[in-house]
């Protein structure tokens, strides 16, 4: 899972997801835009969706840190050896 900020009003969740060195703003699963900082994403989301009453400060959003994919097993010793040789 990628690092992301989440705000969940009653009807539709809003997310700001780290995507490489940029941030993607999403309403539900629909991308609204890509931004250099999460603060820029909040500003545009608040402009596009004033009825959602999104928090202005990033600290008021819930932060979910990077996490490994739970469905993938850890790499085998053979796989690690192949990576080390590459």
PDB file of N, CA and C in Angstrom:
ATOM      1  N   UNK A   1       0.853  -1.173   0.000  1.00  0.00           N
ATOM      2  CA  UNK A   1       0.000   0.000   0.000  1.00  0.00           C
ATOM      3  C   UNK A   1       0.893   1.228   0.000  1.00  0.00           C
ATOM      4  N   UNK A   2       0.512   2.219  -0.778  1.00  0.00           N
ATOM      5  CA  UNK A   2       1.260   3.461  -0.848  1.00  0.00           C
ATOM      6  C   UNK A   2       0.864   4.386   0.288  1.00  0.00           C
ATOM      7  N   UNK A   3       1.776   5.279   0.656  1.00  0.00           N
ATOM      8  CA  UNK A   3       1.460   6.270   1.689  1.00  0.00           C
ATOM      9  C   UNK A   3       0.338   7.161   1.182  1.00  0.00           C
ATOM     10  N   UNK A   4      -0.601   7.476   2.065  1.00  0.00           N
ATOM     11  CA  UNK A   4      -1.728   8.302   1.642  1.00  0.00           C
ATOM     12  C   UNK A   4      -2.381   8.999   2.825  1.00  0.00           C
ATOM     13  N   UNK A   5      -3.047  10.105   2.498  1.00  0.00           N
ATOM     14  CA  UNK A   5      -3.885  10.819   3.455  1.00  0.00           C
ATOM     15  C   UNK A   5      -5.329  10.521   3.076  1.00  0.00           C
ATOM     16  N   UNK A   6      -6.176  10.285   4.067  1.00  0.00           N
ATOM     17  CA  UNK A   6      -7.557   9.886   3.806  1.00  0.00           C
ATOM     18  C   UNK A   6      -8.498  10.742   4.635  1.00  0.00           C
ATOM     19  N   UNK A   7      -9.598  11.169   3.999  1.00  0.00           N
ATOM     20  CA  UNK A   7     -10.688  11.821   4.719  1.00  0.00           C
ATOM     21  C   UNK A   7     -11.970  11.185   4.224  1.00  0.00           C
ATOM     22  N   UNK A   8     -12.808  10.718   5.144  1.00  0.00           N
ATOM     23  CA  UNK A   8     -14.006   9.985   4.747  1.00  0.00           C
ATOM     24  C   UNK A   8     -15.264  10.673   5.259  1.00  0.00           C
ATOM     25  N   UNK A   9     -15.822  11.583   4.449  1.00  0.00           N
ATOM     26  CA  UNK A   9     -17.133  12.119   4.809  1.00  0.00           C
ATOM     27  C   UNK A   9     -18.193  11.033   4.622  1.00  0.00           C
ATOM     28  N   UNK A  10     -19.431  11.361   4.864  1.00  0.00           N
ATOM     29  CA  UNK A  10     -20.511  10.373   4.872  1.00  0.00           C
ATOM     30  C   UNK A  10     -20.698   9.649   3.541  1.00  0.00           C
ATOM     31  N   UNK A  11     -20.512  10.331   2.416  1.00  0.00           N
ATOM     32  CA  UNK A  11     -20.868   9.707   1.140  1.00  0.00           C
ATOM     33  C   UNK A  11     -19.690   9.155   0.336  1.00  0.00           C
ATOM     34  N   UNK A  12     -18.602   9.900   0.185  1.00  0.00           N
ATOM     35  CA  UNK A  12     -17.514   9.495  -0.696  1.00  0.00           C
ATOM     36  C   UNK A  12     -16.162   9.752  -0.046  1.00  0.00           C
ATOM     37  N   UNK A  13     -15.265   8.767  -0.025  1.00  0.00           N
ATOM     38  CA  UNK A  13     -13.935   9.006   0.549  1.00  0.00           C
ATOM     39  C   UNK A  13     -13.048   9.828  -0.389  1.00  0.00           C
ATOM     40  N   UNK A  14     -12.220  10.652   0.206  1.00  0.00           N
ATOM     41  CA  UNK A  14     -11.218  11.424  -0.523  1.00  0.00           C
ATOM     42  C   UNK A  14      -9.857  10.921  -0.079  1.00  0.00           C
ATOM     43  N   UNK A  15      -8.933  10.783  -1.047  1.00  0.00           N
ATOM     44  CA  UNK A  15      -7.592  10.303  -0.722  1.00  0.00           C
ATOM     45  C   UNK A  15      -6.560  11.140  -1.461  1.00  0.00           C
ATOM     46  N   UNK A  16      -5.411  11.293  -0.838  1.00  0.00           N
ATOM     47  CA  UNK A  16      -4.253  11.926  -1.461  1.00  0.00           C
ATOM     48  C   UNK A  16      -3.134  10.903  -1.337  1.00  0.00           C
ATOM     49  N   UNK A  17      -2.749  10.322  -2.471  1.00  0.00           N
ATOM     50  CA  UNK A  17      -1.864   9.159  -2.486  1.00  0.00           C
ATOM     51  C   UNK A  17      -0.514   9.533  -3.088  1.00  0.00           C
ATOM     52  N   UNK A  18       0.573   9.131  -2.400  1.00  0.00           N
ATOM     53  CA  UNK A  18       1.909   9.366  -2.961  1.00  0.00           C
ATOM     54  C   UNK A  18       2.077   8.469  -4.180  1.00  0.00           C
ATOM     55  N   UNK A  19       2.503   9.080  -5.284  1.00  0.00           N
ATOM     56  CA  UNK A  19       2.683   8.354  -6.541  1.00  0.00           C
ATOM     57  C   UNK A  19       4.058   8.756  -7.075  1.00  0.00           C
ATOM     58  N   UNK A  20       5.089   8.023  -6.667  1.00  0.00           N
ATOM     59  CA  UNK A  20       6.455   8.423  -7.023  1.00  0.00           C
ATOM     60  C   UNK A  20       6.830   9.668  -6.235  1.00  0.00           C
ATOM     61  N   UNK A  21       7.229  10.726  -6.935  1.00  0.00           N
ATOM     62  CA  UNK A  21       7.567  11.975  -6.246  1.00  0.00           C
ATOM     63  C   UNK A  21       6.403  12.957  -6.232  1.00  0.00           C
ATOM     64  N   UNK A  22       5.272  12.574  -6.790  1.00  0.00           N
ATOM     65  CA  UNK A  22       4.096  13.446  -6.824  1.00  0.00           C
ATOM     66  C   UNK A  22       2.975  12.840  -5.988  1.00  0.00           C
ATOM     67  N   UNK A  23       1.889  13.578  -5.874  1.00  0.00           N
ATOM     68  CA  UNK A  23       0.727  13.151  -5.092  1.00  0.00           C
ATOM     69  C   UNK A  23      -0.498  13.167  -5.992  1.00  0.00           C
ATOM     70  N   UNK A  24      -1.313  12.117  -5.929  1.00  0.00           N
ATOM     71  CA  UNK A  24      -2.562  12.019  -6.686  1.00  0.00           C
ATOM     72  C   UNK A  24      -3.722  12.297  -5.745  1.00  0.00           C
ATOM     73  N   UNK A  25      -4.636  13.150  -6.180  1.00  0.00           N
ATOM     74  CA  UNK A  25      -5.851  13.414  -5.410  1.00  0.00           C
ATOM     75  C   UNK A  25      -6.975  12.599  -6.033  1.00  0.00           C
ATOM     76  N   UNK A  26      -7.706  11.861  -5.187  1.00  0.00           N
ATOM     77  CA  UNK A  26      -8.790  11.019  -5.680  1.00  0.00           C
ATOM     78  C   UNK A  26     -10.059  11.256  -4.884  1.00  0.00           C
ATOM     79  N   UNK A  27     -11.168  11.243  -5.593  1.00  0.00           N
ATOM     80  CA  UNK A  27     -12.492  11.225  -4.968  1.00  0.00           C
ATOM     81  C   UNK A  27     -13.061   9.851  -5.274  1.00  0.00           C
ATOM     82  N   UNK A  28     -13.232   9.063  -4.257  1.00  0.00           N
ATOM     83  CA  UNK A  28     -13.551   7.645  -4.407  1.00  0.00           C
ATOM     84  C   UNK A  28     -12.405   7.012  -5.200  1.00  0.00           C
ATOM     85  N   UNK A  29     -12.635   6.488  -6.389  1.00  0.00           N
ATOM     86  CA  UNK A  29     -11.550   5.932  -7.203  1.00  0.00           C
ATOM     87  C   UNK A  29     -11.271   6.775  -8.438  1.00  0.00           C
ATOM     88  N   UNK A  30     -11.809   7.987  -8.492  1.00  0.00           N
ATOM     89  CA  UNK A  30     -11.645   8.861  -9.650  1.00  0.00           C
ATOM     90  C   UNK A  30     -10.547   9.879  -9.367  1.00  0.00           C
ATOM     91  N   UNK A  31      -9.528   9.912 -10.242  1.00  0.00           N
ATOM     92  CA  UNK A  31      -8.423  10.850 -10.056  1.00  0.00           C
ATOM     93  C   UNK A  31      -8.869  12.266 -10.401  1.00  0.00           C
ATOM     94  N   UNK A  32      -8.584  13.190  -9.499  1.00  0.00           N
ATOM     95  CA  UNK A  32      -8.919  14.603  -9.687  1.00  0.00           C
ATOM     96  C   UNK A  32      -7.729  15.351 -10.269  1.00  0.00           C
ATOM     97  N   UNK A  33      -6.510  14.989  -9.846  1.00  0.00           N
ATOM     98  CA  UNK A  33      -5.317  15.651 -10.357  1.00  0.00           C
ATOM     99  C   UNK A  33      -4.065  15.115  -9.701  1.00  0.00           C
ATOM    100  N   UNK A  34      -2.915  15.610 -10.210  1.00  0.00           N
ATOM    101  CA  UNK A  34      -1.608  15.246  -9.645  1.00  0.00           C
ATOM    102  C   UNK A  34      -0.906  16.517  -9.209  1.00  0.00           C
ATOM    103  N   UNK A  35      -0.204  16.442  -8.077  1.00  0.00           N
ATOM    104  CA  UNK A  35       0.342  17.641  -7.449  1.00  0.00           C
ATOM    105  C   UNK A  35       1.735  17.375  -6.902  1.00  0.00           C
ATOM    106  N   UNK A  36       2.483  18.447  -6.707  1.00  0.00           N
ATOM    107  CA  UNK A  36       3.822  18.349  -6.131  1.00  0.00           C
ATOM    108  C   UNK A  36       3.781  18.118  -4.625  1.00  0.00           C
ATOM    109  N   UNK A  37       2.770  18.653  -3.952  1.00  0.00           N
ATOM    110  CA  UNK A  37       2.659  18.501  -2.500  1.00  0.00           C
ATOM    111  C   UNK A  37       1.231  18.103  -2.133  1.00  0.00           C
ATOM    112  N   UNK A  38       1.045  17.451  -1.003  1.00  0.00           N
ATOM    113  CA  UNK A  38      -0.317  17.115  -0.579  1.00  0.00           C
ATOM    114  C   UNK A  38      -1.135  18.364  -0.242  1.00  0.00           C
ATOM    115  N   UNK A  39      -0.465  19.434   0.182  1.00  0.00           N
ATOM    116  CA  UNK A  39      -1.190  20.679   0.483  1.00  0.00           C
ATOM    117  C   UNK A  39      -1.836  21.267  -0.770  1.00  0.00           C
ATOM    118  N   UNK A  40      -1.139  21.180  -1.919  1.00  0.00           N
ATOM    119  CA  UNK A  40      -1.730  21.638  -3.184  1.00  0.00           C
ATOM    120  C   UNK A  40      -2.955  20.798  -3.531  1.00  0.00           C
ATOM    121  N   UNK A  41      -2.876  19.510  -3.282  1.00  0.00           N
ATOM    122  CA  UNK A  41      -4.003  18.623  -3.563  1.00  0.00           C
ATOM    123  C   UNK A  41      -5.209  18.994  -2.703  1.00  0.00           C
ATOM    124  N   UNK A  42      -4.975  19.278  -1.428  1.00  0.00           N
ATOM    125  CA  UNK A  42      -6.077  19.679  -0.542  1.00  0.00           C
ATOM    126  C   UNK A  42      -6.719  20.959  -1.042  1.00  0.00           C
ATOM    127  N   UNK A  43      -5.891  21.915  -1.429  1.00  0.00           N
ATOM    128  CA  UNK A  43      -6.426  23.195  -1.904  1.00  0.00           C
ATOM    129  C   UNK A  43      -7.361  22.981  -3.102  1.00  0.00           C
ATOM    130  N   UNK A  44      -6.930  22.172  -4.076  1.00  0.00           N
ATOM    131  CA  UNK A  44      -7.785  21.941  -5.246  1.00  0.00           C
ATOM    132  C   UNK A  44      -9.015  21.106  -4.902  1.00  0.00           C
ATOM    133  N   UNK A  45      -8.862  20.092  -4.064  1.00  0.00           N
ATOM    134  CA  UNK A  45     -10.035  19.301  -3.676  1.00  0.00           C
ATOM    135  C   UNK A  45     -11.074  20.175  -2.984  1.00  0.00           C
ATOM    136  N   UNK A  46     -10.613  21.076  -2.115  1.00  0.00           N
ATOM    137  CA  UNK A  46     -11.549  21.978  -1.426  1.00  0.00           C
ATOM    138  C   UNK A  46     -12.233  22.923  -2.418  1.00  0.00           C
ATOM    139  N   UNK A  47     -11.506  23.329  -3.467  1.00  0.00           N
ATOM    140  CA  UNK A  47     -12.085  24.205  -4.490  1.00  0.00           C
ATOM    141  C   UNK A  47     -13.115  23.454  -5.332  1.00  0.00           C
ATOM    142  N   UNK A  48     -12.768  22.232  -5.755  1.00  0.00           N
ATOM    143  CA  UNK A  48     -13.651  21.447  -6.626  1.00  0.00           C
ATOM    144  C   UNK A  48     -14.871  20.892  -5.896  1.00  0.00           C
ATOM    145  N   UNK A  49     -14.731  20.593  -4.602  1.00  0.00           N
ATOM    146  CA  UNK A  49     -15.810  19.959  -3.845  1.00  0.00           C
ATOM    147  C   UNK A  49     -16.093  20.712  -2.545  1.00  0.00           C
ATOM    148  N   UNK A  50     -16.583  21.950  -2.630  1.00  0.00           N
ATOM    149  CA  UNK A  50     -16.841  22.712  -1.396  1.00  0.00           C
ATOM    150  C   UNK A  50     -17.929  22.076  -0.533  1.00  0.00           C
ATOM    151  N   UNK A  51     -18.847  21.351  -1.162  1.00  0.00           N
ATOM    152  CA  UNK A  51     -19.937  20.722  -0.411  1.00  0.00           C
ATOM    153  C   UNK A  51     -19.439  19.599   0.496  1.00  0.00           C
ATOM    154  N   UNK A  52     -18.239  19.079   0.231  1.00  0.00           N
ATOM    155  CA  UNK A  52     -17.689  17.991   1.046  1.00  0.00           C
ATOM    156  C   UNK A  52     -17.118  18.496   2.368  1.00  0.00           C
ATOM    157  N   UNK A  53     -16.877  19.796   2.471  1.00  0.00           N
ATOM    158  CA  UNK A  53     -16.340  20.413   3.692  1.00  0.00           C
ATOM    159  C   UNK A  53     -15.070  19.693   4.161  1.00  0.00           C
ATOM    160  N   UNK A  54     -14.119  19.583   3.242  1.00  0.00           N
ATOM    161  CA  UNK A  54     -12.854  18.909   3.536  1.00  0.00           C
ATOM    162  C   UNK A  54     -11.996  19.744   4.479  1.00  0.00           C
ATOM    163  N   UNK A  55     -11.240  19.105   5.362  1.00  0.00           N
ATOM    164  CA  UNK A  55     -10.363  19.842   6.272  1.00  0.00           C
ATOM    165  C   UNK A  55      -9.287  20.610   5.505  1.00  0.00           C
ATOM    166  N   UNK A  56      -8.960  21.773   6.000  1.00  0.00           N
ATOM    167  CA  UNK A  56      -7.963  22.627   5.360  1.00  0.00           C
ATOM    168  C   UNK A  56      -6.544  22.173   5.694  1.00  0.00           C
ATOM    169  N   UNK A  57      -6.339  21.704   6.925  1.00  0.00           N
ATOM    170  CA  UNK A  57      -4.997  21.320   7.372  1.00  0.00           C
ATOM    171  C   UNK A  57      -4.740  19.837   7.129  1.00  0.00           C
ATOM    172  N   UNK A  58      -3.550  19.552   6.678  1.00  0.00           N
ATOM    173  CA  UNK A  58      -3.153  18.170   6.415  1.00  0.00           C
ATOM    174  C   UNK A  58      -3.182  17.332   7.690  1.00  0.00           C
ATOM    175  N   UNK A  59      -2.912  17.953   8.812  1.00  0.00           N
ATOM    176  CA  UNK A  59      -2.904  17.221  10.086  1.00  0.00           C
ATOM    177  C   UNK A  59      -4.295  16.727  10.486  1.00  0.00           C
ATOM    178  N   UNK A  60      -5.347  17.264   9.863  1.00  0.00           N
ATOM    179  CA  UNK A  60      -6.712  16.816  10.148  1.00  0.00           C
ATOM    180  C   UNK A  60      -7.134  15.621   9.285  1.00  0.00           C
ATOM    181  N   UNK A  61      -6.294  15.249   8.338  1.00  0.00           N
ATOM    182  CA  UNK A  61      -6.536  14.070   7.519  1.00  0.00           C
ATOM    183  C   UNK A  61      -5.856  12.878   8.197  1.00  0.00           C
ATOM    184  N   UNK A  62      -6.379  11.682   7.980  1.00  0.00           N
ATOM    185  CA  UNK A  62      -5.764  10.473   8.543  1.00  0.00           C
ATOM    186  C   UNK A  62      -4.624  10.044   7.627  1.00  0.00           C
ATOM    187  N   UNK A  63      -3.433   9.838   8.181  1.00  0.00           N
ATOM    188  CA  UNK A  63      -2.272   9.425   7.395  1.00  0.00           C
ATOM    189  C   UNK A  63      -2.073   7.924   7.517  1.00  0.00           C
ATOM    190  N   UNK A  64      -1.944   7.257   6.374  1.00  0.00           N
ATOM    191  CA  UNK A  64      -1.650   5.822   6.332  1.00  0.00           C
ATOM    192  C   UNK A  64      -0.267   5.665   5.708  1.00  0.00           C
ATOM    193  N   UNK A  65       0.729   5.209   6.465  1.00  0.00           N
ATOM    194  CA  UNK A  65       2.089   5.103   5.929  1.00  0.00           C
ATOM    195  C   UNK A  65       2.221   3.971   4.918  1.00  0.00           C
ATOM    196  N   UNK A  66       3.362   3.983   4.214  1.00  0.00           N
ATOM    197  CA  UNK A  66       3.676   2.885   3.296  1.00  0.00           C
ATOM    198  C   UNK A  66       3.598   1.560   4.034  1.00  0.00           C
ATOM    199  N   UNK A  67       3.103   0.551   3.351  1.00  0.00           N
ATOM    200  CA  UNK A  67       3.054  -0.790   3.940  1.00  0.00           C
ATOM    201  C   UNK A  67       3.279  -1.801   2.822  1.00  0.00           C
ATOM    202  N   UNK A  68       3.973  -2.882   3.114  1.00  0.00           N
ATOM    203  CA  UNK A  68       4.166  -3.906   2.086  1.00  0.00           C
ATOM    204  C   UNK A  68       2.831  -4.549   1.728  1.00  0.00           C
ATOM    205  N   UNK A  69       2.777  -5.084   0.544  1.00  0.00           N
ATOM    206  CA  UNK A  69       1.558  -5.767   0.115  1.00  0.00           C
ATOM    207  C   UNK A  69       1.383  -7.043   0.929  1.00  0.00           C
ATOM    208  N   UNK A  70       0.267  -7.178   1.577  1.00  0.00           N
ATOM    209  CA  UNK A  70       0.035  -8.299   2.488  1.00  0.00           C
ATOM    210  C   UNK A  70      -0.080  -9.636   1.763  1.00  0.00           C
ATOM    211  N   UNK A  71      -0.501  -9.624   0.516  1.00  0.00           N
ATOM    212  CA  UNK A  71      -0.716 -10.889  -0.177  1.00  0.00           C
ATOM    213  C   UNK A  71       0.562 -11.460  -0.791  1.00  0.00           C
ATOM    214  N   UNK A  72       1.682 -10.737  -0.706  1.00  0.00           N
ATOM    215  CA  UNK A  72       2.931 -11.243  -1.260  1.00  0.00           C
ATOM    216  C   UNK A  72       3.776 -11.872  -0.155  1.00  0.00           C
ATOM    217  N   UNK A  73       4.256 -13.083  -0.382  1.00  0.00           N
ATOM    218  CA  UNK A  73       5.132 -13.695   0.623  1.00  0.00           C
ATOM    219  C   UNK A  73       6.506 -13.027   0.580  1.00  0.00           C
ATOM    220  N   UNK A  74       7.297 -13.164   1.632  1.00  0.00           N
ATOM    221  CA  UNK A  74       8.656 -12.617   1.589  1.00  0.00           C
ATOM    222  C   UNK A  74       9.469 -13.336   0.514  1.00  0.00           C
ATOM    223  N   UNK A  75      10.456 -12.668  -0.068  1.00  0.00           N
ATOM    224  CA  UNK A  75      11.231 -13.318  -1.137  1.00  0.00           C
ATOM    225  C   UNK A  75      12.026 -14.510  -0.607  1.00  0.00           C
ATOM    226  N   UNK A  76      12.195 -15.485  -1.479  1.00  0.00           N
ATOM    227  CA  UNK A  76      12.961 -16.680  -1.100  1.00  0.00           C
ATOM    228  C   UNK A  76      14.452 -16.358  -1.112  1.00  0.00           C
ATOM    229  N   UNK A  77      15.237 -17.236  -0.534  1.00  0.00           N
ATOM    230  CA  UNK A  77      16.691 -17.054  -0.523  1.00  0.00           C
ATOM    231  C   UNK A  77      17.240 -17.047  -1.945  1.00  0.00           C
ATOM    232  N   UNK A  78      16.682 -17.885  -2.815  1.00  0.00           N
ATOM    233  CA  UNK A  78      17.133 -17.933  -4.210  1.00  0.00           C
ATOM    234  C   UNK A  78      16.836 -16.614  -4.922  1.00  0.00           C
ATOM    235  N   UNK A  79      15.675 -16.043  -4.665  1.00  0.00           N
ATOM    236  CA  UNK A  79      15.322 -14.766  -5.289  1.00  0.00           C
ATOM    237  C   UNK A  79      16.245 -13.656  -4.797  1.00  0.00           C
ATOM    238  N   UNK A  80      16.553 -13.648  -3.512  1.00  0.00           N
ATOM    239  CA  UNK A  80      17.473 -12.642  -2.972  1.00  0.00           C
ATOM    240  C   UNK A  80      18.867 -12.803  -3.567  1.00  0.00           C
ATOM    241  N   UNK A  81      19.300 -14.042  -3.775  1.00  0.00           N
ATOM    242  CA  UNK A  81      20.612 -14.284  -4.374  1.00  0.00           C
ATOM    243  C   UNK A  81      20.649 -13.777  -5.811  1.00  0.00           C
ATOM    244  N   UNK A  82      19.575 -14.010  -6.572  1.00  0.00           N
ATOM    245  CA  UNK A  82      19.517 -13.509  -7.952  1.00  0.00           C
ATOM    246  C   UNK A  82      19.555 -11.988  -7.977  1.00  0.00           C
ATOM    247  N   UNK A  83      18.856 -11.343  -7.054  1.00  0.00           N
ATOM    248  CA  UNK A  83      18.872  -9.882  -6.992  1.00  0.00           C
ATOM    249  C   UNK A  83      20.259  -9.362  -6.632  1.00  0.00           C
ATOM    250  N   UNK A  84      20.939 -10.047  -5.735  1.00  0.00           N
ATOM    251  CA  UNK A  84      22.277  -9.616  -5.325  1.00  0.00           C
ATOM    252  C   UNK A  84      23.268  -9.718  -6.482  1.00  0.00           C
ATOM    253  N   UNK A  85      23.076 -10.688  -7.364  1.00  0.00           N
ATOM    254  CA  UNK A  85      23.981 -10.866  -8.502  1.00  0.00           C
ATOM    255  C   UNK A  85      23.697  -9.871  -9.614  1.00  0.00           C
ATOM    256  N   UNK A  86      22.531  -9.292  -9.654  1.00  0.00           N
ATOM    257  CA  UNK A  86      22.151  -8.386 -10.750  1.00  0.00           C
ATOM    258  C   UNK A  86      22.844  -7.054 -10.660  1.00  0.00           C
TER     259      UNK A  86
END
